[in-house]
Amino acid sequence: MLVDMKGVGKEYEGVVPFLALSEVNLQVDKGEFVAIVGQSGSGKSTLLNLIGTLDRATTGTYLLDGHDIAQVSDSQLTRLRGELVGFVFQFHYLLPDFTVLENVLMPKAATRTRPTKEDTTEAMRLLERVGVAGEKDKLATAISGGQQQRVAIARALMGGKPLILADEPTGNLDSVNSESVFELMREVHDELKTTFMIVTHDERIADQCDRIIRITDGKIVDDHPRVAASPKS
């Protein structure tokens, strides 16, 4: 089990405490391709942040690949996140003063290790896989939005992470690039068996995922496999 949540809740302190998530029970196996849907403010991004260990739950237990997140130190959590989780956001967050290749190598720099020849070979392989190897020496600002999101996917995959969390990854793209980026994520999943969990407002995107989790007011209200369309007679 890659993601195992039992009774997870998240409350934010303030003059009036805000309960963002309540009694979440969620299990995700390795190799799944999951959509998380719900209205704005429903708790989707909070859930993704907890899964990705960018935040910690207030209540309940969360095991990420068998590691009890409540029991590890901040430094251990940073290491685990770097080994297990890649992130793709609506805005690609590439560093504008670095090249495409340097951006993909950035997770290695974040661990304070100088990229090796093997790292560079892996980064180039990923850039080839997402179709932008020819842009490797260009600054991130010199390529299109669709290409930038492809680079962000390659960066998330760097190091062979088993879990990719994508928060509205197509939300800032036109329909053509949106479909292209989604198809790329499906192809990567099918080829590498990487687990994808995708927060999206786009029901068309959700309907193409293998499993759909729906959140309302901080609670999972529906969790089911995609219903395949009936074959035409």
C-alpha atoms as a PDB file:
ATOM      1  CA  MET A   1       0.000   0.000   0.000  1.00  0.00           C
ATOM      2  CA  LEU A   2       1.472   3.338  -1.059  1.00  0.00           C
ATOM      3  CA  VAL A   3      -1.032   5.700   0.600  1.00  0.00           C
ATOM      4  CA  ASP A   4      -2.872   4.536   3.721  1.00  0.00           C
ATOM      5  CA  MET A   5      -4.966   7.078   5.643  1.00  0.00           C
ATOM      6  CA  LYS A   6      -7.252   6.196   8.530  1.00  0.00           C
ATOM      7  CA  GLY A   7      -9.444   8.793  10.252  1.00  0.00           C
ATOM      8  CA  VAL A   8      -7.297  11.673   8.993  1.00  0.00           C
ATOM      9  CA  GLY A   9      -8.371  15.210   9.792  1.00  0.00           C
ATOM     10  CA  LYS A  10      -6.794  18.630   9.362  1.00  0.00           C
ATOM     11  CA  GLU A  11      -7.772  21.659  11.429  1.00  0.00           C
ATOM     12  CA  TYR A  12      -6.237  25.099  10.966  1.00  0.00           C
ATOM     13  CA  GLU A  13      -5.963  27.269  14.052  1.00  0.00           C
ATOM     14  CA  GLY A  14      -7.236  30.829  14.170  1.00  0.00           C
ATOM     15  CA  VAL A  15      -9.750  33.057  15.914  1.00  0.00           C
ATOM     16  CA  VAL A  16     -12.279  30.594  14.529  1.00  0.00           C
ATOM     17  CA  PRO A  17     -10.641  27.171  13.948  1.00  0.00           C
ATOM     18  CA  PHE A  18     -11.303  25.766  10.482  1.00  0.00           C
ATOM     19  CA  LEU A  19     -11.728  22.045   9.888  1.00  0.00           C
ATOM     20  CA  ALA A  20     -10.457  21.498   6.341  1.00  0.00           C
ATOM     21  CA  LEU A  21     -10.601  17.679   6.361  1.00  0.00           C
ATOM     22  CA  SER A  22     -12.487  15.262   8.575  1.00  0.00           C
ATOM     23  CA  GLU A  23     -12.352  11.471   9.048  1.00  0.00           C
ATOM     24  CA  VAL A  24     -10.642  10.722   5.748  1.00  0.00           C
ATOM     25  CA  ASN A  25     -10.083   7.034   5.068  1.00  0.00           C
ATOM     26  CA  LEU A  26      -8.112   6.483   1.894  1.00  0.00           C
ATOM     27  CA  GLN A  27      -5.985   3.664   0.519  1.00  0.00           C
ATOM     28  CA  VAL A  28      -4.147   3.896  -2.793  1.00  0.00           C
ATOM     29  CA  ASP A  29      -2.099   1.027  -4.180  1.00  0.00           C
ATOM     30  CA  LYS A  30       1.042   1.393  -6.248  1.00  0.00           C
ATOM     31  CA  GLY A  31       0.301   1.906  -9.927  1.00  0.00           C
ATOM     32  CA  GLU A  32      -3.148   3.506  -9.603  1.00  0.00           C
ATOM     33  CA  PHE A  33      -4.299   6.488 -11.701  1.00  0.00           C
ATOM     34  CA  VAL A  34      -6.660   8.523  -9.536  1.00  0.00           C
ATOM     35  CA  ALA A  35      -8.673  11.721  -9.911  1.00  0.00           C
ATOM     36  CA  ILE A  36      -9.663  13.835  -6.899  1.00  0.00           C
ATOM     37  CA  VAL A  37     -12.598  16.128  -7.648  1.00  0.00           C
ATOM     38  CA  GLY A  38     -14.756  18.602  -5.759  1.00  0.00           C
ATOM     39  CA  GLN A  39     -15.755  22.240  -5.636  1.00  0.00           C
ATOM     40  CA  SER A  40     -13.321  24.994  -4.691  1.00  0.00           C
ATOM     41  CA  GLY A  41     -12.738  24.934  -0.941  1.00  0.00           C
ATOM     42  CA  SER A  42     -13.854  21.321  -0.582  1.00  0.00           C
ATOM     43  CA  GLY A  43     -10.454  20.193   0.747  1.00  0.00           C
ATOM     44  CA  LYS A  44      -8.872  18.689  -2.384  1.00  0.00           C
ATOM     45  CA  SER A  45      -5.606  20.603  -2.188  1.00  0.00           C
ATOM     46  CA  THR A  46      -5.401  20.116   1.585  1.00  0.00           C
ATOM     47  CA  LEU A  47      -5.680  16.371   1.033  1.00  0.00           C
ATOM     48  CA  LEU A  48      -3.005  16.477  -1.649  1.00  0.00           C
ATOM     49  CA  ASN A  49      -0.701  18.453   0.660  1.00  0.00           C
ATOM     50  CA  LEU A  50      -1.137  15.854   3.403  1.00  0.00           C
ATOM     51  CA  ILE A  51      -0.525  12.968   1.003  1.00  0.00           C
ATOM     52  CA  GLY A  52       2.612  14.714  -0.262  1.00  0.00           C
ATOM     53  CA  THR A  53       3.777  15.433   3.320  1.00  0.00           C
ATOM     54  CA  LEU A  54       3.868  19.186   2.703  1.00  0.00           C
ATOM     55  CA  ASP A  55       1.647  19.383   5.792  1.00  0.00           C
ATOM     56  CA  ARG A  56       0.834  17.034   8.660  1.00  0.00           C
ATOM     57  CA  ALA A  57      -2.565  15.769   9.756  1.00  0.00           C
ATOM     58  CA  THR A  58      -4.103  16.981  13.004  1.00  0.00           C
ATOM     59  CA  THR A  59      -5.835  13.673  13.708  1.00  0.00           C
ATOM     60  CA  GLY A  60      -5.731  10.101  12.435  1.00  0.00           C
ATOM     61  CA  THR A  61      -2.860   8.092  10.999  1.00  0.00           C
ATOM     62  CA  TYR A  62      -1.114   8.323   7.656  1.00  0.00           C
ATOM     63  CA  LEU A  63       1.347   5.770   6.312  1.00  0.00           C
ATOM     64  CA  LEU A  64       3.247   6.650   3.134  1.00  0.00           C
ATOM     65  CA  ASP A  65       4.826   3.529   1.665  1.00  0.00           C
ATOM     66  CA  GLY A  66       4.738   2.042   5.165  1.00  0.00           C
ATOM     67  CA  HIS A  67       6.245   5.067   6.946  1.00  0.00           C
ATOM     68  CA  ASP A  68       4.130   6.548   9.742  1.00  0.00           C
ATOM     69  CA  ILE A  69       4.333  10.252   8.919  1.00  0.00           C
ATOM     70  CA  ALA A  70       3.450  11.317  12.475  1.00  0.00           C
ATOM     71  CA  GLN A  71       6.477   9.466  13.828  1.00  0.00           C
ATOM     72  CA  VAL A  72       9.249  10.837  11.591  1.00  0.00           C
ATOM     73  CA  SER A  73      11.296  13.983  12.175  1.00  0.00           C
ATOM     74  CA  ASP A  74      11.177  16.959   9.832  1.00  0.00           C
ATOM     75  CA  SER A  75      14.551  16.036   8.347  1.00  0.00           C
ATOM     76  CA  GLN A  76      13.435  12.440   7.782  1.00  0.00           C
ATOM     77  CA  LEU A  77      10.215  13.715   6.238  1.00  0.00           C
ATOM     78  CA  THR A  78      12.142  15.894   3.793  1.00  0.00           C
ATOM     79  CA  ARG A  79      14.221  12.887   2.739  1.00  0.00           C
ATOM     80  CA  LEU A  80      11.165  10.649   2.352  1.00  0.00           C
ATOM     81  CA  ARG A  81       9.367  13.276   0.286  1.00  0.00           C
ATOM     82  CA  GLY A  82      12.373  13.629  -1.986  1.00  0.00           C
ATOM     83  CA  GLU A  83      12.545   9.878  -2.518  1.00  0.00           C
ATOM     84  CA  LEU A  84       8.858   9.077  -2.897  1.00  0.00           C
ATOM     85  CA  VAL A  85       6.864  12.061  -4.152  1.00  0.00           C
ATOM     86  CA  GLY A  86       6.959  14.257  -7.245  1.00  0.00           C
ATOM     87  CA  PHE A  87       4.734  17.320  -7.651  1.00  0.00           C
ATOM     88  CA  VAL A  88       3.134  18.901 -10.714  1.00  0.00           C
ATOM     89  CA  PHE A  89       1.181  22.118 -10.144  1.00  0.00           C
ATOM     90  CA  GLN A  90      -1.163  24.261 -12.236  1.00  0.00           C
ATOM     91  CA  PHE A  91       1.669  26.765 -12.609  1.00  0.00           C
ATOM     92  CA  HIS A  92       4.783  24.852 -13.532  1.00  0.00           C
ATOM     93  CA  TYR A  93       7.097  26.780 -11.151  1.00  0.00           C
ATOM     94  CA  LEU A  94      10.154  26.328 -13.319  1.00  0.00           C
ATOM     95  CA  LEU A  95      13.097  28.544 -12.405  1.00  0.00           C
ATOM     96  CA  PRO A  96      13.294  31.185 -15.145  1.00  0.00           C
ATOM     97  CA  ASP A  97      17.047  31.770 -14.951  1.00  0.00           C
ATOM     98  CA  PHE A  98      17.874  28.098 -15.515  1.00  0.00           C
ATOM     99  CA  THR A  99      17.728  25.942 -18.598  1.00  0.00           C
ATOM    100  CA  VAL A 100      15.207  23.197 -19.211  1.00  0.00           C
ATOM    101  CA  LEU A 101      17.789  20.536 -18.352  1.00  0.00           C
ATOM    102  CA  GLU A 102      18.889  22.367 -15.193  1.00  0.00           C
ATOM    103  CA  ASN A 103      15.254  22.601 -14.046  1.00  0.00           C
ATOM    104  CA  VAL A 104      14.790  18.849 -14.400  1.00  0.00           C
ATOM    105  CA  LEU A 105      17.984  18.294 -12.402  1.00  0.00           C
ATOM    106  CA  MET A 106      16.806  20.679  -9.654  1.00  0.00           C
ATOM    107  CA  PRO A 107      15.514  17.916  -7.294  1.00  0.00           C
ATOM    108  CA  LYS A 108      19.109  16.681  -7.040  1.00  0.00           C
ATOM    109  CA  ALA A 109      20.304  20.168  -6.182  1.00  0.00           C
ATOM    110  CA  ALA A 110      17.592  20.384  -3.514  1.00  0.00           C
ATOM    111  CA  THR A 111      19.145  17.409  -1.731  1.00  0.00           C
ATOM    112  CA  ARG A 112      22.476  19.264  -1.709  1.00  0.00           C
ATOM    113  CA  THR A 113      24.092  16.718  -3.991  1.00  0.00           C
ATOM    114  CA  ARG A 114      25.829  17.698  -7.188  1.00  0.00           C
ATOM    115  CA  PRO A 115      24.138  16.049 -10.188  1.00  0.00           C
ATOM    116  CA  THR A 116      26.188  13.169 -11.532  1.00  0.00           C
ATOM    117  CA  LYS A 117      26.675  12.026 -15.099  1.00  0.00           C
ATOM    118  CA  GLU A 118      24.043   9.368 -14.390  1.00  0.00           C
ATOM    119  CA  ASP A 119      21.630  12.067 -13.188  1.00  0.00           C
ATOM    120  CA  THR A 120      22.117  14.014 -16.398  1.00  0.00           C
ATOM    121  CA  THR A 121      21.545  10.865 -18.444  1.00  0.00           C
ATOM    122  CA  GLU A 122      18.312  10.222 -16.531  1.00  0.00           C
ATOM    123  CA  ALA A 123      17.167  13.820 -16.984  1.00  0.00           C
ATOM    124  CA  MET A 124      17.778  13.629 -20.732  1.00  0.00           C
ATOM    125  CA  ARG A 125      15.910  10.345 -20.941  1.00  0.00           C
ATOM    126  CA  LEU A 126      12.943  11.945 -19.181  1.00  0.00           C
ATOM    127  CA  LEU A 127      13.051  15.005 -21.444  1.00  0.00           C
ATOM    128  CA  GLU A 128      13.020  12.684 -24.420  1.00  0.00           C
ATOM    129  CA  ARG A 129      10.107  10.795 -22.891  1.00  0.00           C
ATOM    130  CA  VAL A 130       8.025  13.963 -22.496  1.00  0.00           C
ATOM    131  CA  GLY A 131       9.004  15.222 -25.948  1.00  0.00           C
ATOM    132  CA  VAL A 132      11.110  18.304 -25.171  1.00  0.00           C
ATOM    133  CA  ALA A 133      14.708  17.016 -25.304  1.00  0.00           C
ATOM    134  CA  GLY A 134      15.394  19.424 -28.150  1.00  0.00           C
ATOM    135  CA  GLU A 135      14.735  22.365 -25.803  1.00  0.00           C
ATOM    136  CA  LYS A 136      17.211  21.250 -23.117  1.00  0.00           C
ATOM    137  CA  ASP A 137      19.552  24.247 -23.439  1.00  0.00           C
ATOM    138  CA  LYS A 138      16.818  26.894 -23.616  1.00  0.00           C
ATOM    139  CA  LEU A 139      15.802  28.960 -20.613  1.00  0.00           C
ATOM    140  CA  ALA A 140      12.489  27.861 -19.126  1.00  0.00           C
ATOM    141  CA  THR A 141      10.912  31.161 -20.190  1.00  0.00           C
ATOM    142  CA  ALA A 142      11.815  30.558 -23.843  1.00  0.00           C
ATOM    143  CA  ILE A 143       9.458  27.607 -24.367  1.00  0.00           C
ATOM    144  CA  SER A 144       5.661  27.409 -24.589  1.00  0.00           C
ATOM    145  CA  GLY A 145       3.281  26.820 -21.682  1.00  0.00           C
ATOM    146  CA  GLY A 146       2.556  23.293 -22.800  1.00  0.00           C
ATOM    147  CA  GLN A 147       6.266  22.539 -23.078  1.00  0.00           C
ATOM    148  CA  GLN A 148       6.889  24.057 -19.636  1.00  0.00           C
ATOM    149  CA  GLN A 149       4.321  21.715 -18.090  1.00  0.00           C
ATOM    150  CA  ARG A 150       5.992  18.767 -19.839  1.00  0.00           C
ATOM    151  CA  VAL A 151       9.292  19.840 -18.277  1.00  0.00           C
ATOM    152  CA  ALA A 152       7.551  20.027 -14.886  1.00  0.00           C
ATOM    153  CA  ILE A 153       6.382  16.426 -15.331  1.00  0.00           C
ATOM    154  CA  ALA A 154       9.928  15.326 -16.191  1.00  0.00           C
ATOM    155  CA  ARG A 155      11.210  17.123 -13.068  1.00  0.00           C
ATOM    156  CA  ALA A 156       8.575  15.372 -10.929  1.00  0.00           C
ATOM    157  CA  LEU A 157       9.651  11.976 -12.293  1.00  0.00           C
ATOM    158  CA  MET A 158      13.354  12.606 -11.637  1.00  0.00           C
ATOM    159  CA  GLY A 159      14.769   9.963  -9.323  1.00  0.00           C
ATOM    160  CA  GLY A 160      12.142   7.348 -10.120  1.00  0.00           C
ATOM    161  CA  LYS A 161       9.572   8.548  -7.582  1.00  0.00           C
ATOM    162  CA  PRO A 162       6.659   6.109  -7.259  1.00  0.00           C
ATOM    163  CA  LEU A 163       4.014   8.772  -6.532  1.00  0.00           C
ATOM    164  CA  ILE A 164       3.184  11.860  -8.605  1.00  0.00           C
ATOM    165  CA  LEU A 165       0.736  14.384  -7.150  1.00  0.00           C
ATOM    166  CA  ALA A 166      -0.723  16.789  -9.706  1.00  0.00           C
ATOM    167  CA  ASP A 167      -2.773  19.801  -8.557  1.00  0.00           C
ATOM    168  CA  GLU A 168      -4.813  21.113 -11.522  1.00  0.00           C
ATOM    169  CA  PRO A 169      -1.930  20.282 -13.909  1.00  0.00           C
ATOM    170  CA  THR A 170      -3.933  21.289 -16.995  1.00  0.00           C
ATOM    171  CA  GLY A 171      -5.796  24.218 -15.444  1.00  0.00           C
ATOM    172  CA  ASN A 172      -3.529  26.874 -16.957  1.00  0.00           C
ATOM    173  CA  LEU A 173      -3.450  25.401 -20.466  1.00  0.00           C
ATOM    174  CA  ASP A 174      -5.662  25.698 -23.537  1.00  0.00           C
ATOM    175  CA  SER A 175      -7.763  22.699 -24.536  1.00  0.00           C
ATOM    176  CA  VAL A 176      -5.229  21.319 -27.024  1.00  0.00           C
ATOM    177  CA  ASN A 177      -2.286  21.490 -24.609  1.00  0.00           C
ATOM    178  CA  SER A 178      -4.499  20.300 -21.744  1.00  0.00           C
ATOM    179  CA  GLU A 179      -5.379  17.108 -23.586  1.00  0.00           C
ATOM    180  CA  SER A 180      -1.782  16.616 -24.690  1.00  0.00           C
ATOM    181  CA  VAL A 181      -0.393  16.951 -21.155  1.00  0.00           C
ATOM    182  CA  PHE A 182      -3.026  14.597 -19.749  1.00  0.00           C
ATOM    183  CA  GLU A 183      -2.288  12.013 -22.443  1.00  0.00           C
ATOM    184  CA  LEU A 184       1.390  12.275 -21.538  1.00  0.00           C
ATOM    185  CA  MET A 185       0.649  11.531 -17.880  1.00  0.00           C
ATOM    186  CA  ARG A 186      -1.405   8.501 -18.902  1.00  0.00           C
ATOM    187  CA  GLU A 187       1.386   7.254 -21.145  1.00  0.00           C
ATOM    188  CA  VAL A 188       3.970   7.664 -18.371  1.00  0.00           C
ATOM    189  CA  HIS A 189       1.679   5.825 -15.967  1.00  0.00           C
ATOM    190  CA  ASP A 190       1.103   2.974 -18.389  1.00  0.00           C
ATOM    191  CA  GLU A 191       4.806   2.678 -19.221  1.00  0.00           C
ATOM    192  CA  LEU A 192       6.415   3.163 -15.807  1.00  0.00           C
ATOM    193  CA  LYS A 193       3.527   2.086 -13.524  1.00  0.00           C
ATOM    194  CA  THR A 194       3.937   5.340 -11.613  1.00  0.00           C
ATOM    195  CA  THR A 195       1.058   6.195  -9.288  1.00  0.00           C
ATOM    196  CA  PHE A 196      -0.723   9.419 -10.267  1.00  0.00           C
ATOM    197  CA  MET A 197      -3.161  11.335  -8.074  1.00  0.00           C
ATOM    198  CA  ILE A 198      -4.650  14.274  -9.941  1.00  0.00           C
ATOM    199  CA  VAL A 199      -6.739  17.093  -8.459  1.00  0.00           C
ATOM    200  CA  THR A 200      -8.916  18.533 -11.201  1.00  0.00           C
ATOM    201  CA  HIS A 201     -12.047  20.628 -11.752  1.00  0.00           C
ATOM    202  CA  ASP A 202     -12.317  19.215 -15.259  1.00  0.00           C
ATOM    203  CA  GLU A 203     -14.829  16.361 -15.266  1.00  0.00           C
ATOM    204  CA  ARG A 204     -13.592  15.307 -18.717  1.00  0.00           C
ATOM    205  CA  ILE A 205     -10.139  14.718 -17.249  1.00  0.00           C
ATOM    206  CA  ALA A 206     -11.571  12.899 -14.224  1.00  0.00           C
ATOM    207  CA  ASP A 207     -13.653  10.635 -16.442  1.00  0.00           C
ATOM    208  CA  GLN A 208     -10.464   9.411 -18.125  1.00  0.00           C
ATOM    209  CA  CYS A 209      -8.863   8.361 -14.832  1.00  0.00           C
ATOM    210  CA  ASP A 210      -9.218   4.829 -13.470  1.00  0.00           C
ATOM    211  CA  ARG A 211     -10.659   5.878 -10.117  1.00  0.00           C
ATOM    212  CA  ILE A 212     -12.568   8.996  -9.050  1.00  0.00           C
ATOM    213  CA  ILE A 213     -12.559  10.320  -5.471  1.00  0.00           C
ATOM    214  CA  ARG A 214     -15.055  13.090  -4.746  1.00  0.00           C
ATOM    215  CA  ILE A 215     -14.664  15.441  -1.758  1.00  0.00           C
ATOM    216  CA  THR A 216     -17.352  17.679  -0.273  1.00  0.00           C
ATOM    217  CA  ASP A 217     -16.838  19.889   2.794  1.00  0.00           C
ATOM    218  CA  GLY A 218     -13.649  18.099   3.785  1.00  0.00           C
ATOM    219  CA  LYS A 219     -15.038  14.586   3.551  1.00  0.00           C
ATOM    220  CA  ILE A 220     -14.763  11.867   0.930  1.00  0.00           C
ATOM    221  CA  VAL A 221     -18.338  11.345  -0.221  1.00  0.00           C
ATOM    222  CA  ASP A 222     -17.681   9.067  -3.185  1.00  0.00           C
ATOM    223  CA  ASP A 223     -14.837   6.779  -4.245  1.00  0.00           C
ATOM    224  CA  HIS A 224     -15.344   4.486  -7.192  1.00  0.00           C
ATOM    225  CA  PRO A 225     -13.671   3.092 -10.289  1.00  0.00           C
ATOM    226  CA  ARG A 226     -14.408   4.830 -13.557  1.00  0.00           C
ATOM    227  CA  VAL A 227     -17.482   3.410 -15.234  1.00  0.00           C
ATOM    228  CA  ALA A 228     -16.484   2.286 -18.700  1.00  0.00           C
ATOM    229  CA  ALA A 229     -18.709   3.365 -21.537  1.00  0.00           C
ATOM    230  CA  SER A 230     -20.965   0.643 -22.874  1.00  0.00           C
ATOM    231  CA  PRO A 231     -19.806  -0.744 -26.231  1.00  0.00           C
ATOM    232  CA  LYS A 232     -21.852   0.340 -29.209  1.00  0.00           C
ATOM    233  CA  SER A 233     -24.014  -2.367 -30.713  1.00  0.00           C
END
